[in-house]
Amino acid sequence: MVDVLSSVGLTDDELDQVFPTLRIHPYYDTGERITDENGRQQPVLAAQSSFGIYAYHEGTLDGWQTALSGATRIADNLYLLSVPNNGSAKVTVKVQAVEPGEARMPETRSNRG
């Protein structure tokens, strides 16, 4: 359905208004550091390409549940993923349409156990 709507000219911003959207915005450590107001060194991060999911469900819905595995959750909506220089890592993103009375899947599985 998203492909059809895109082919008739809907932009990503317009699709975001039509469908429940989960968007992941990754950043990487540039190796540079700045000193914050408390004198502590903080990493300078740079954005990478975002990716995401447009969700769709027919029928009764109590809400949506998301899960990210392969990265370590360090705060609400913030995850850490260590990737070797010039290497790769894999994360899995899941979205569940939660129907009335249905159990929600676990929110996150850490790659550190």
PDB file of N, CA and C in Angstrom:
ATOM      1  N   MET A   1       0.814  -1.183   0.000  1.00  0.00           N
ATOM      2  CA  MET A   1       0.000   0.000   0.000  1.00  0.00           C
ATOM      3  C   MET A   1       0.867   1.260   0.000  1.00  0.00           C
ATOM      4  N   VAL A   2       1.958   1.245   0.796  1.00  0.00           N
ATOM      5  CA  VAL A   2       2.846   2.406   0.841  1.00  0.00           C
ATOM      6  C   VAL A   2       3.449   2.653  -0.534  1.00  0.00           C
ATOM      7  N   ASP A   3       3.858   1.576  -1.224  1.00  0.00           N
ATOM      8  CA  ASP A   3       4.430   1.731  -2.565  1.00  0.00           C
ATOM      9  C   ASP A   3       3.434   2.382  -3.520  1.00  0.00           C
ATOM     10  N   VAL A   4       2.179   1.968  -3.445  1.00  0.00           N
ATOM     11  CA  VAL A   4       1.144   2.542  -4.317  1.00  0.00           C
ATOM     12  C   VAL A   4       0.968   4.025  -4.024  1.00  0.00           C
ATOM     13  N   LEU A   5       0.889   4.375  -2.739  1.00  0.00           N
ATOM     14  CA  LEU A   5       0.708   5.782  -2.375  1.00  0.00           C
ATOM     15  C   LEU A   5       1.922   6.616  -2.764  1.00  0.00           C
ATOM     16  N   SER A   6       3.115   6.049  -2.612  1.00  0.00           N
ATOM     17  CA  SER A   6       4.325   6.761  -3.035  1.00  0.00           C
ATOM     18  C   SER A   6       4.335   6.966  -4.540  1.00  0.00           C
ATOM     19  N   SER A   7       3.874   5.948  -5.281  1.00  0.00           N
ATOM     20  CA  SER A   7       3.899   6.040  -6.748  1.00  0.00           C
ATOM     21  C   SER A   7       2.949   7.110  -7.288  1.00  0.00           C
ATOM     22  N   VAL A   8       1.934   7.476  -6.509  1.00  0.00           N
ATOM     23  CA  VAL A   8       1.017   8.538  -6.958  1.00  0.00           C
ATOM     24  C   VAL A   8       1.414   9.903  -6.404  1.00  0.00           C
ATOM     25  N   GLY A   9       2.583   9.950  -5.765  1.00  0.00           N
ATOM     26  CA  GLY A   9       3.132  11.244  -5.399  1.00  0.00           C
ATOM     27  C   GLY A   9       3.102  11.634  -3.938  1.00  0.00           C
ATOM     28  N   LEU A  10       2.625  10.764  -3.035  1.00  0.00           N
ATOM     29  CA  LEU A  10       2.667  11.121  -1.617  1.00  0.00           C
ATOM     30  C   LEU A  10       4.117  11.150  -1.143  1.00  0.00           C
ATOM     31  N   THR A  11       4.470  12.184  -0.414  1.00  0.00           N
ATOM     32  CA  THR A  11       5.824  12.316   0.120  1.00  0.00           C
ATOM     33  C   THR A  11       5.941  11.530   1.422  1.00  0.00           C
ATOM     34  N   ASP A  12       7.178  11.359   1.903  1.00  0.00           N
ATOM     35  CA  ASP A  12       7.387  10.695   3.190  1.00  0.00           C
ATOM     36  C   ASP A  12       6.656  11.429   4.308  1.00  0.00           C
ATOM     37  N   ASP A  13       6.690  12.762   4.284  1.00  0.00           N
ATOM     38  CA  ASP A  13       5.989  13.533   5.319  1.00  0.00           C
ATOM     39  C   ASP A  13       4.489  13.268   5.285  1.00  0.00           C
ATOM     40  N   GLU A  14       3.927  13.159   4.085  1.00  0.00           N
ATOM     41  CA  GLU A  14       2.494  12.865   3.969  1.00  0.00           C
ATOM     42  C   GLU A  14       2.182  11.439   4.406  1.00  0.00           C
ATOM     43  N   LEU A  15       3.043  10.481   4.053  1.00  0.00           N
ATOM     44  CA  LEU A  15       2.846   9.099   4.501  1.00  0.00           C
ATOM     45  C   LEU A  15       2.911   9.011   6.024  1.00  0.00           C
ATOM     46  N   ASP A  16       3.799   9.807   6.630  1.00  0.00           N
ATOM     47  CA  ASP A  16       3.897   9.833   8.097  1.00  0.00           C
ATOM     48  C   ASP A  16       2.586  10.264   8.739  1.00  0.00           C
ATOM     49  N   GLN A  17       1.797  11.071   8.041  1.00  0.00           N
ATOM     50  CA  GLN A  17       0.510  11.522   8.566  1.00  0.00           C
ATOM     51  C   GLN A  17      -0.584  10.473   8.381  1.00  0.00           C
ATOM     52  N   VAL A  18      -0.416   9.584   7.399  1.00  0.00           N
ATOM     53  CA  VAL A  18      -1.428   8.574   7.081  1.00  0.00           C
ATOM     54  C   VAL A  18      -1.254   7.311   7.921  1.00  0.00           C
ATOM     55  N   PHE A  19      -0.005   6.893   8.141  1.00  0.00           N
ATOM     56  CA  PHE A  19       0.284   5.629   8.817  1.00  0.00           C
ATOM     57  C   PHE A  19       0.976   5.865  10.154  1.00  0.00           C
ATOM     58  N   PRO A  20       0.704   4.997  11.144  1.00  0.00           N
ATOM     59  CA  PRO A  20       1.557   4.992  12.328  1.00  0.00           C
ATOM     60  C   PRO A  20       2.993   4.708  11.858  1.00  0.00           C
ATOM     61  N   THR A  21       3.922   5.502  12.327  1.00  0.00           N
ATOM     62  CA  THR A  21       5.284   5.445  11.812  1.00  0.00           C
ATOM     63  C   THR A  21       6.279   5.261  12.945  1.00  0.00           C
ATOM     64  N   LEU A  22       7.192   4.318  12.769  1.00  0.00           N
ATOM     65  CA  LEU A  22       8.322   4.148  13.681  1.00  0.00           C
ATOM     66  C   LEU A  22       9.562   4.538  12.896  1.00  0.00           C
ATOM     67  N   ARG A  23      10.277   5.541  13.363  1.00  0.00           N
ATOM     68  CA  ARG A  23      11.467   6.010  12.663  1.00  0.00           C
ATOM     69  C   ARG A  23      12.659   5.899  13.607  1.00  0.00           C
ATOM     70  N   ILE A  24      13.742   5.304  13.114  1.00  0.00           N
ATOM     71  CA  ILE A  24      14.980   5.142  13.872  1.00  0.00           C
ATOM     72  C   ILE A  24      15.995   6.136  13.314  1.00  0.00           C
ATOM     73  N   HIS A  25      16.599   6.923  14.210  1.00  0.00           N
ATOM     74  CA  HIS A  25      17.589   7.926  13.812  1.00  0.00           C
ATOM     75  C   HIS A  25      18.936   7.554  14.430  1.00  0.00           C
ATOM     76  N   PRO A  26      19.804   6.854  13.686  1.00  0.00           N
ATOM     77  CA  PRO A  26      21.107   6.469  14.241  1.00  0.00           C
ATOM     78  C   PRO A  26      22.136   7.601  14.137  1.00  0.00           C
ATOM     79  N   TYR A  27      23.041   7.589  15.090  1.00  0.00           N
ATOM     80  CA  TYR A  27      24.161   8.527  15.120  1.00  0.00           C
ATOM     81  C   TYR A  27      25.426   7.738  15.407  1.00  0.00           C
ATOM     82  N   TYR A  28      26.569   8.278  14.999  1.00  0.00           N
ATOM     83  CA  TYR A  28      27.834   7.621  15.313  1.00  0.00           C
ATOM     84  C   TYR A  28      28.781   8.617  15.969  1.00  0.00           C
ATOM     85  N   ASP A  29      29.695   8.062  16.753  1.00  0.00           N
ATOM     86  CA  ASP A  29      30.708   8.845  17.451  1.00  0.00           C
ATOM     87  C   ASP A  29      31.784   9.222  16.438  1.00  0.00           C
ATOM     88  N   THR A  30      32.005  10.517  16.242  1.00  0.00           N
ATOM     89  CA  THR A  30      32.988  10.990  15.264  1.00  0.00           C
ATOM     90  C   THR A  30      34.422  10.856  15.763  1.00  0.00           C
ATOM     91  N   GLY A  31      34.588  10.586  17.050  1.00  0.00           N
ATOM     92  CA  GLY A  31      35.919  10.554  17.640  1.00  0.00           C
ATOM     93  C   GLY A  31      36.325  11.902  18.213  1.00  0.00           C
ATOM     94  N   GLU A  32      35.605  12.954  17.851  1.00  0.00           N
ATOM     95  CA  GLU A  32      35.872  14.285  18.395  1.00  0.00           C
ATOM     96  C   GLU A  32      35.199  14.423  19.752  1.00  0.00           C
ATOM     97  N   ARG A  33      35.721  15.327  20.576  1.00  0.00           N
ATOM     98  CA  ARG A  33      35.161  15.578  21.900  1.00  0.00           C
ATOM     99  C   ARG A  33      35.029  17.076  22.120  1.00  0.00           C
ATOM    100  N   ILE A  34      33.994  17.447  22.894  1.00  0.00           N
ATOM    101  CA  ILE A  34      33.843  18.828  23.340  1.00  0.00           C
ATOM    102  C   ILE A  34      33.753  18.803  24.857  1.00  0.00           C
ATOM    103  N   THR A  35      34.051  19.930  25.459  1.00  0.00           N
ATOM    104  CA  THR A  35      33.965  20.039  26.908  1.00  0.00           C
ATOM    105  C   THR A  35      32.656  20.719  27.261  1.00  0.00           C
ATOM    106  N   ASP A  36      31.843  20.067  28.127  1.00  0.00           N
ATOM    107  CA  ASP A  36      30.558  20.658  28.508  1.00  0.00           C
ATOM    108  C   ASP A  36      30.759  21.692  29.610  1.00  0.00           C
ATOM    109  N   GLU A  37      29.661  22.300  30.049  1.00  0.00           N
ATOM    110  CA  GLU A  37      29.724  23.379  31.041  1.00  0.00           C
ATOM    111  C   GLU A  37      30.250  22.916  32.394  1.00  0.00           C
ATOM    112  N   ASN A  38      30.280  21.597  32.627  1.00  0.00           N
ATOM    113  CA  ASN A  38      30.815  21.052  33.878  1.00  0.00           C
ATOM    114  C   ASN A  38      32.249  20.569  33.729  1.00  0.00           C
ATOM    115  N   GLY A  39      32.857  20.849  32.574  1.00  0.00           N
ATOM    116  CA  GLY A  39      34.244  20.468  32.346  1.00  0.00           C
ATOM    117  C   GLY A  39      34.429  19.017  31.917  1.00  0.00           C
ATOM    118  N   ARG A  40      33.341  18.319  31.625  1.00  0.00           N
ATOM    119  CA  ARG A  40      33.445  16.911  31.207  1.00  0.00           C
ATOM    120  C   ARG A  40      33.540  16.822  29.690  1.00  0.00           C
ATOM    121  N   GLN A  41      34.305  15.863  29.223  1.00  0.00           N
ATOM    122  CA  GLN A  41      34.425  15.598  27.791  1.00  0.00           C
ATOM    123  C   GLN A  41      33.205  14.822  27.308  1.00  0.00           C
ATOM    124  N   GLN A  42      32.599  15.297  26.225  1.00  0.00           N
ATOM    125  CA  GLN A  42      31.424  14.650  25.642  1.00  0.00           C
ATOM    126  C   GLN A  42      31.706  14.327  24.177  1.00  0.00           C
ATOM    127  N   PRO A  43      31.216  13.184  23.692  1.00  0.00           N
ATOM    128  CA  PRO A  43      31.447  12.837  22.289  1.00  0.00           C
ATOM    129  C   PRO A  43      30.636  13.725  21.342  1.00  0.00           C
ATOM    130  N   VAL A  44      31.193  13.979  20.178  1.00  0.00           N
ATOM    131  CA  VAL A  44      30.476  14.675  19.113  1.00  0.00           C
ATOM    132  C   VAL A  44      29.880  13.595  18.216  1.00  0.00           C
ATOM    133  N   LEU A  45      28.564  13.608  18.065  1.00  0.00           N
ATOM    134  CA  LEU A  45      27.871  12.601  17.268  1.00  0.00           C
ATOM    135  C   LEU A  45      27.474  13.180  15.919  1.00  0.00           C
ATOM    136  N   ALA A  46      27.439  12.321  14.907  1.00  0.00           N
ATOM    137  CA  ALA A  46      26.990  12.714  13.567  1.00  0.00           C
ATOM    138  C   ALA A  46      25.862  11.783  13.135  1.00  0.00           C
ATOM    139  N   ALA A  47      24.905  12.343  12.419  1.00  0.00           N
ATOM    140  CA  ALA A  47      23.738  11.567  11.985  1.00  0.00           C
ATOM    141  C   ALA A  47      24.089  10.624  10.842  1.00  0.00           C
ATOM    142  N   GLN A  48      23.432   9.472  10.845  1.00  0.00           N
ATOM    143  CA  GLN A  48      23.476   8.528   9.733  1.00  0.00           C
ATOM    144  C   GLN A  48      22.095   8.513   9.088  1.00  0.00           C
ATOM    145  N   SER A  49      21.916   7.725   8.061  1.00  0.00           N
ATOM    146  CA  SER A  49      20.615   7.625   7.394  1.00  0.00           C
ATOM    147  C   SER A  49      19.582   7.016   8.325  1.00  0.00           C
ATOM    148  N   SER A  50      18.412   7.633   8.381  1.00  0.00           N
ATOM    149  CA  SER A  50      17.309   7.114   9.187  1.00  0.00           C
ATOM    150  C   SER A  50      16.616   5.983   8.443  1.00  0.00           C
ATOM    151  N   PHE A  51      15.922   5.147   9.209  1.00  0.00           N
ATOM    152  CA  PHE A  51      15.109   4.092   8.610  1.00  0.00           C
ATOM    153  C   PHE A  51      13.892   3.885   9.484  1.00  0.00           C
ATOM    154  N   GLY A  52      12.889   3.208   8.962  1.00  0.00           N
ATOM    155  CA  GLY A  52      11.700   3.023   9.771  1.00  0.00           C
ATOM    156  C   GLY A  52      10.682   2.095   9.163  1.00  0.00           C
ATOM    157  N   ILE A  53       9.528   2.077   9.798  1.00  0.00           N
ATOM    158  CA  ILE A  53       8.438   1.181   9.428  1.00  0.00           C
ATOM    159  C   ILE A  53       7.141   1.986   9.394  1.00  0.00           C
ATOM    160  N   TYR A  54       6.364   1.777   8.341  1.00  0.00           N
ATOM    161  CA  TYR A  54       4.985   2.246   8.311  1.00  0.00           C
ATOM    162  C   TYR A  54       4.118   1.066   8.723  1.00  0.00           C
ATOM    163  N   ALA A  55       3.327   1.230   9.769  1.00  0.00           N
ATOM    164  CA  ALA A  55       2.492   0.139  10.276  1.00  0.00           C
ATOM    165  C   ALA A  55       1.079   0.260   9.724  1.00  0.00           C
ATOM    166  N   TYR A  56       0.425  -0.887   9.595  1.00  0.00           N
ATOM    167  CA  TYR A  56      -0.952  -0.924   9.112  1.00  0.00           C
ATOM    168  C   TYR A  56      -1.642  -2.102   9.771  1.00  0.00           C
ATOM    169  N   HIS A  57      -2.902  -1.907  10.163  1.00  0.00           N
ATOM    170  CA  HIS A  57      -3.662  -2.989  10.790  1.00  0.00           C
ATOM    171  C   HIS A  57      -5.142  -2.788  10.501  1.00  0.00           C
ATOM    172  N   GLU A  58      -5.806  -3.872  10.181  1.00  0.00           N
ATOM    173  CA  GLU A  58      -7.260  -3.839  10.017  1.00  0.00           C
ATOM    174  C   GLU A  58      -7.882  -4.519  11.221  1.00  0.00           C
ATOM    175  N   GLY A  59      -8.920  -3.939  11.762  1.00  0.00           N
ATOM    176  CA  GLY A  59      -9.601  -4.528  12.908  1.00  0.00           C
ATOM    177  C   GLY A  59      -9.429  -3.674  14.146  1.00  0.00           C
ATOM    178  N   THR A  60      -9.944  -4.204  15.264  1.00  0.00           N
ATOM    179  CA  THR A  60      -9.888  -3.495  16.537  1.00  0.00           C
ATOM    180  C   THR A  60      -8.447  -3.423  17.022  1.00  0.00           C
ATOM    181  N   LEU A  61      -8.091  -2.293  17.595  1.00  0.00           N
ATOM    182  CA  LEU A  61      -6.707  -2.066  17.991  1.00  0.00           C
ATOM    183  C   LEU A  61      -6.658  -1.364  19.336  1.00  0.00           C
ATOM    184  N   ASP A  62      -5.875  -1.929  20.270  1.00  0.00           N
ATOM    185  CA  ASP A  62      -5.637  -1.276  21.559  1.00  0.00           C
ATOM    186  C   ASP A  62      -4.399  -0.391  21.524  1.00  0.00           C
ATOM    187  N   GLY A  63      -3.540  -0.604  20.554  1.00  0.00           N
ATOM    188  CA  GLY A  63      -2.326   0.199  20.465  1.00  0.00           C
ATOM    189  C   GLY A  63      -1.236  -0.546  19.728  1.00  0.00           C
ATOM    190  N   TRP A  64      -0.053   0.021  19.798  1.00  0.00           N
ATOM    191  CA  TRP A  64       1.110  -0.548  19.122  1.00  0.00           C
ATOM    192  C   TRP A  64       2.190  -0.838  20.147  1.00  0.00           C
ATOM    193  N   GLN A  65       2.948  -1.884  19.924  1.00  0.00           N
ATOM    194  CA  GLN A  65       4.097  -2.214  20.768  1.00  0.00           C
ATOM    195  C   GLN A  65       5.308  -2.340  19.858  1.00  0.00           C
ATOM    196  N   THR A  66       6.421  -1.770  20.277  1.00  0.00           N
ATOM    197  CA  THR A  66       7.643  -1.866  19.486  1.00  0.00           C
ATOM    198  C   THR A  66       8.711  -2.608  20.267  1.00  0.00           C
ATOM    199  N   ALA A  67       9.634  -3.204  19.541  1.00  0.00           N
ATOM    200  CA  ALA A  67      10.763  -3.900  20.158  1.00  0.00           C
ATOM    201  C   ALA A  67      11.985  -3.715  19.270  1.00  0.00           C
ATOM    202  N   LEU A  68      13.111  -3.517  19.909  1.00  0.00           N
ATOM    203  CA  LEU A  68      14.388  -3.396  19.216  1.00  0.00           C
ATOM    204  C   LEU A  68      15.344  -4.372  19.877  1.00  0.00           C
ATOM    205  N   SER A  69      15.892  -5.289  19.110  1.00  0.00           N
ATOM    206  CA  SER A  69      16.873  -6.215  19.673  1.00  0.00           C
ATOM    207  C   SER A  69      18.186  -6.066  18.919  1.00  0.00           C
ATOM    208  N   GLY A  70      19.273  -6.371  19.606  1.00  0.00           N
ATOM    209  CA  GLY A  70      20.594  -6.240  19.023  1.00  0.00           C
ATOM    210  C   GLY A  70      21.345  -5.017  19.505  1.00  0.00           C
ATOM    211  N   ALA A  71      20.672  -4.144  20.253  1.00  0.00           N
ATOM    212  CA  ALA A  71      21.295  -2.949  20.826  1.00  0.00           C
ATOM    213  C   ALA A  71      20.952  -2.902  22.312  1.00  0.00           C
ATOM    214  N   THR A  72      21.718  -2.144  23.069  1.00  0.00           N
ATOM    215  CA  THR A  72      21.506  -2.027  24.506  1.00  0.00           C
ATOM    216  C   THR A  72      20.749  -0.742  24.818  1.00  0.00           C
ATOM    217  N   ARG A  73      19.614  -0.879  25.486  1.00  0.00           N
ATOM    218  CA  ARG A  73      18.840   0.304  25.878  1.00  0.00           C
ATOM    219  C   ARG A  73      19.549   0.993  27.037  1.00  0.00           C
ATOM    220  N   ILE A  74      19.855   2.284  26.865  1.00  0.00           N
ATOM    221  CA  ILE A  74      20.542   3.022  27.918  1.00  0.00           C
ATOM    222  C   ILE A  74      19.669   4.120  28.518  1.00  0.00           C
ATOM    223  N   ALA A  75      18.558   4.434  27.877  1.00  0.00           N
ATOM    224  CA  ALA A  75      17.580   5.403  28.391  1.00  0.00           C
ATOM    225  C   ALA A  75      16.324   5.266  27.531  1.00  0.00           C
ATOM    226  N   ASP A  76      15.250   5.969  27.913  1.00  0.00           N
ATOM    227  CA  ASP A  76      14.048   5.953  27.084  1.00  0.00           C
ATOM    228  C   ASP A  76      14.391   6.442  25.677  1.00  0.00           C
ATOM    229  N   ASN A  77      14.033   5.652  24.696  1.00  0.00           N
ATOM    230  CA  ASN A  77      14.263   5.995  23.288  1.00  0.00           C
ATOM    231  C   ASN A  77      15.725   6.226  22.935  1.00  0.00           C
ATOM    232  N   LEU A  78      16.638   5.600  23.692  1.00  0.00           N
ATOM    233  CA  LEU A  78      18.068   5.750  23.415  1.00  0.00           C
ATOM    234  C   LEU A  78      18.754   4.401  23.594  1.00  0.00           C
ATOM    235  N   TYR A  79      19.439   3.965  22.539  1.00  0.00           N
ATOM    236  CA  TYR A  79      20.090   2.662  22.522  1.00  0.00           C
ATOM    237  C   TYR A  79      21.540   2.826  22.112  1.00  0.00           C
ATOM    238  N   LEU A  80      22.383   1.882  22.551  1.00  0.00           N
ATOM    239  CA  LEU A  80      23.797   1.874  22.207  1.00  0.00           C
ATOM    240  C   LEU A  80      24.095   0.604  21.434  1.00  0.00           C
ATOM    241  N   LEU A  81      24.798   0.752  20.332  1.00  0.00           N
ATOM    242  CA  LEU A  81      25.191  -0.382  19.507  1.00  0.00           C
ATOM    243  C   LEU A  81      26.656  -0.201  19.156  1.00  0.00           C
ATOM    244  N   SER A  82      27.491  -1.123  19.600  1.00  0.00           N
ATOM    245  CA  SER A  82      28.916  -1.066  19.277  1.00  0.00           C
ATOM    246  C   SER A  82      29.149  -1.766  17.947  1.00  0.00           C
ATOM    247  N   VAL A  83      29.802  -1.059  17.033  1.00  0.00           N
ATOM    248  CA  VAL A  83      30.090  -1.595  15.705  1.00  0.00           C
ATOM    249  C   VAL A  83      31.583  -1.427  15.454  1.00  0.00           C
ATOM    250  N   PRO A  84      32.275  -2.501  15.072  1.00  0.00           N
ATOM    251  CA  PRO A  84      33.705  -2.380  14.777  1.00  0.00           C
ATOM    252  C   PRO A  84      33.949  -1.397  13.627  1.00  0.00           C
ATOM    253  N   ASN A  85      35.096  -0.721  13.655  1.00  0.00           N
ATOM    254  CA  ASN A  85      35.461   0.189  12.576  1.00  0.00           C
ATOM    255  C   ASN A  85      35.424  -0.567  11.247  1.00  0.00           C
ATOM    256  N   ASN A  86      34.747  -0.008  10.268  1.00  0.00           N
ATOM    257  CA  ASN A  86      34.551  -0.633   8.952  1.00  0.00           C
ATOM    258  C   ASN A  86      33.799  -1.958   9.035  1.00  0.00           C
ATOM    259  N   GLY A  87      33.095  -2.179  10.133  1.00  0.00           N
ATOM    260  CA  GLY A  87      32.338  -3.412  10.311  1.00  0.00           C
ATOM    261  C   GLY A  87      30.847  -3.172  10.193  1.00  0.00           C
ATOM    262  N   SER A  88      30.095  -4.140  10.652  1.00  0.00           N
ATOM    263  CA  SER A  88      28.641  -4.017  10.616  1.00  0.00           C
ATOM    264  C   SER A  88      28.047  -4.672  11.853  1.00  0.00           C
ATOM    265  N   ALA A  89      26.812  -4.363  12.107  1.00  0.00           N
ATOM    266  CA  ALA A  89      26.061  -4.965  13.209  1.00  0.00           C
ATOM    267  C   ALA A  89      24.618  -5.075  12.750  1.00  0.00           C
ATOM    268  N   LYS A  90      23.882  -5.973  13.374  1.00  0.00           N
ATOM    269  CA  LYS A  90      22.498  -6.202  12.975  1.00  0.00           C
ATOM    270  C   LYS A  90      21.569  -5.893  14.139  1.00  0.00           C
ATOM    271  N   VAL A  91      20.521  -5.136  13.856  1.00  0.00           N
ATOM    272  CA  VAL A  91      19.445  -4.918  14.814  1.00  0.00           C
ATOM    273  C   VAL A  91      18.153  -5.414  14.174  1.00  0.00           C
ATOM    274  N   THR A  92      17.227  -5.797  15.021  1.00  0.00           N
ATOM    275  CA  THR A  92      15.916  -6.226  14.555  1.00  0.00           C
ATOM    276  C   THR A  92      14.871  -5.315  15.172  1.00  0.00           C
ATOM    277  N   VAL A  93      14.020  -4.749  14.338  1.00  0.00           N
ATOM    278  CA  VAL A  93      12.949  -3.865  14.787  1.00  0.00           C
ATOM    279  C   VAL A  93      11.624  -4.570  14.519  1.00  0.00           C
ATOM    280  N   LYS A  94      10.770  -4.616  15.542  1.00  0.00           N
ATOM    281  CA  LYS A  94       9.456  -5.237  15.388  1.00  0.00           C
ATOM    282  C   LYS A  94       8.378  -4.265  15.849  1.00  0.00           C
ATOM    283  N   VAL A  95       7.236  -4.325  15.184  1.00  0.00           N
ATOM    284  CA  VAL A  95       6.066  -3.556  15.582  1.00  0.00           C
ATOM    285  C   VAL A  95       4.901  -4.527  15.681  1.00  0.00           C
ATOM    286  N   GLN A  96       4.204  -4.490  16.809  1.00  0.00           N
ATOM    287  CA  GLN A  96       3.048  -5.360  17.030  1.00  0.00           C
ATOM    288  C   GLN A  96       1.781  -4.521  17.096  1.00  0.00           C
ATOM    289  N   ALA A  97       0.786  -4.896  16.310  1.00  0.00           N
ATOM    290  CA  ALA A  97      -0.551  -4.323  16.437  1.00  0.00           C
ATOM    291  C   ALA A  97      -1.230  -5.085  17.568  1.00  0.00           C
ATOM    292  N   VAL A  98      -1.483  -4.424  18.685  1.00  0.00           N
ATOM    293  CA  VAL A  98      -2.040  -5.081  19.871  1.00  0.00           C
ATOM    294  C   VAL A  98      -3.559  -4.995  19.827  1.00  0.00           C
ATOM    295  N   GLU A  99      -4.182  -6.152  19.708  1.00  0.00           N
ATOM    296  CA  GLU A  99      -5.640  -6.229  19.697  1.00  0.00           C
ATOM    297  C   GLU A  99      -6.148  -6.373  21.125  1.00  0.00           C
ATOM    298  N   PRO A 100      -7.417  -6.066  21.384  1.00  0.00           N
ATOM    299  CA  PRO A 100      -7.976  -6.176  22.737  1.00  0.00           C
ATOM    300  C   PRO A 100      -7.746  -7.573  23.322  1.00  0.00           C
ATOM    301  N   GLY A 101      -7.215  -7.595  24.545  1.00  0.00           N
ATOM    302  CA  GLY A 101      -6.961  -8.844  25.247  1.00  0.00           C
ATOM    303  C   GLY A 101      -5.679  -9.549  24.854  1.00  0.00           C
ATOM    304  N   GLU A 102      -4.973  -9.038  23.875  1.00  0.00           N
ATOM    305  CA  GLU A 102      -3.738  -9.673  23.407  1.00  0.00           C
ATOM    306  C   GLU A 102      -2.560  -9.225  24.261  1.00  0.00           C
ATOM    307  N   ALA A 103      -1.667 -10.162  24.586  1.00  0.00           N
ATOM    308  CA  ALA A 103      -0.458  -9.834  25.348  1.00  0.00           C
ATOM    309  C   ALA A 103       0.511  -9.061  24.456  1.00  0.00           C
ATOM    310  N   ARG A 104       1.167  -8.090  25.058  1.00  0.00           N
ATOM    311  CA  ARG A 104       2.173  -7.320  24.324  1.00  0.00           C
ATOM    312  C   ARG A 104       3.495  -8.080  24.314  1.00  0.00           C
ATOM    313  N   MET A 105       4.202  -7.987  23.203  1.00  0.00           N
ATOM    314  CA  MET A 105       5.528  -8.592  23.137  1.00  0.00           C
ATOM    315  C   MET A 105       6.473  -7.778  24.017  1.00  0.00           C
ATOM    316  N   PRO A 106       7.591  -8.384  24.459  1.00  0.00           N
ATOM    317  CA  PRO A 106       8.562  -7.621  25.257  1.00  0.00           C
ATOM    318  C   PRO A 106       9.075  -6.421  24.467  1.00  0.00           C
ATOM    319  N   GLU A 107       9.300  -5.322  25.178  1.00  0.00           N
ATOM    320  CA  GLU A 107       9.692  -4.072  24.527  1.00  0.00           C
ATOM    321  C   GLU A 107      11.073  -4.142  23.888  1.00  0.00           C
ATOM    322  N   THR A 108      12.047  -4.681  24.606  1.00  0.00           N
ATOM    323  CA  THR A 108      13.428  -4.679  24.127  1.00  0.00           C
ATOM    324  C   THR A 108      14.169  -5.875  24.674  1.00  0.00           C
ATOM    325  N   ARG A 109      15.020  -6.426  23.829  1.00  0.00           N
ATOM    326  CA  ARG A 109      15.961  -7.446  24.286  1.00  0.00           C
ATOM    327  C   ARG A 109      17.349  -6.879  24.071  1.00  0.00           C
ATOM    328  N   SER A 110      18.127  -6.799  25.127  1.00  0.00           N
ATOM    329  CA  SER A 110      19.470  -6.242  25.048  1.00  0.00           C
ATOM    330  C   SER A 110      20.419  -7.252  24.418  1.00  0.00           C
ATOM    331  N   ASN A 111      21.448  -6.760  23.729  1.00  0.00           N
ATOM    332  CA  ASN A 111      22.455  -7.669  23.203  1.00  0.00           C
ATOM    333  C   ASN A 111      23.477  -8.032  24.269  1.00  0.00           C
ATOM    334  N   ARG A 112      23.328  -7.490  25.462  1.00  0.00           N
ATOM    335  CA  ARG A 112      24.226  -7.827  26.570  1.00  0.00           C
ATOM    336  C   ARG A 112      23.573  -8.789  27.544  1.00  0.00           C
ATOM    337  N   GLY A 113      22.390  -9.301  27.194  1.00  0.00           N
ATOM    338  CA  GLY A 113      21.716 -10.270  28.050  1.00  0.00           C
ATOM    339  C   GLY A 113      20.852  -9.597  29.005  1.00  0.00           C
TER     340      GLY A 113
END
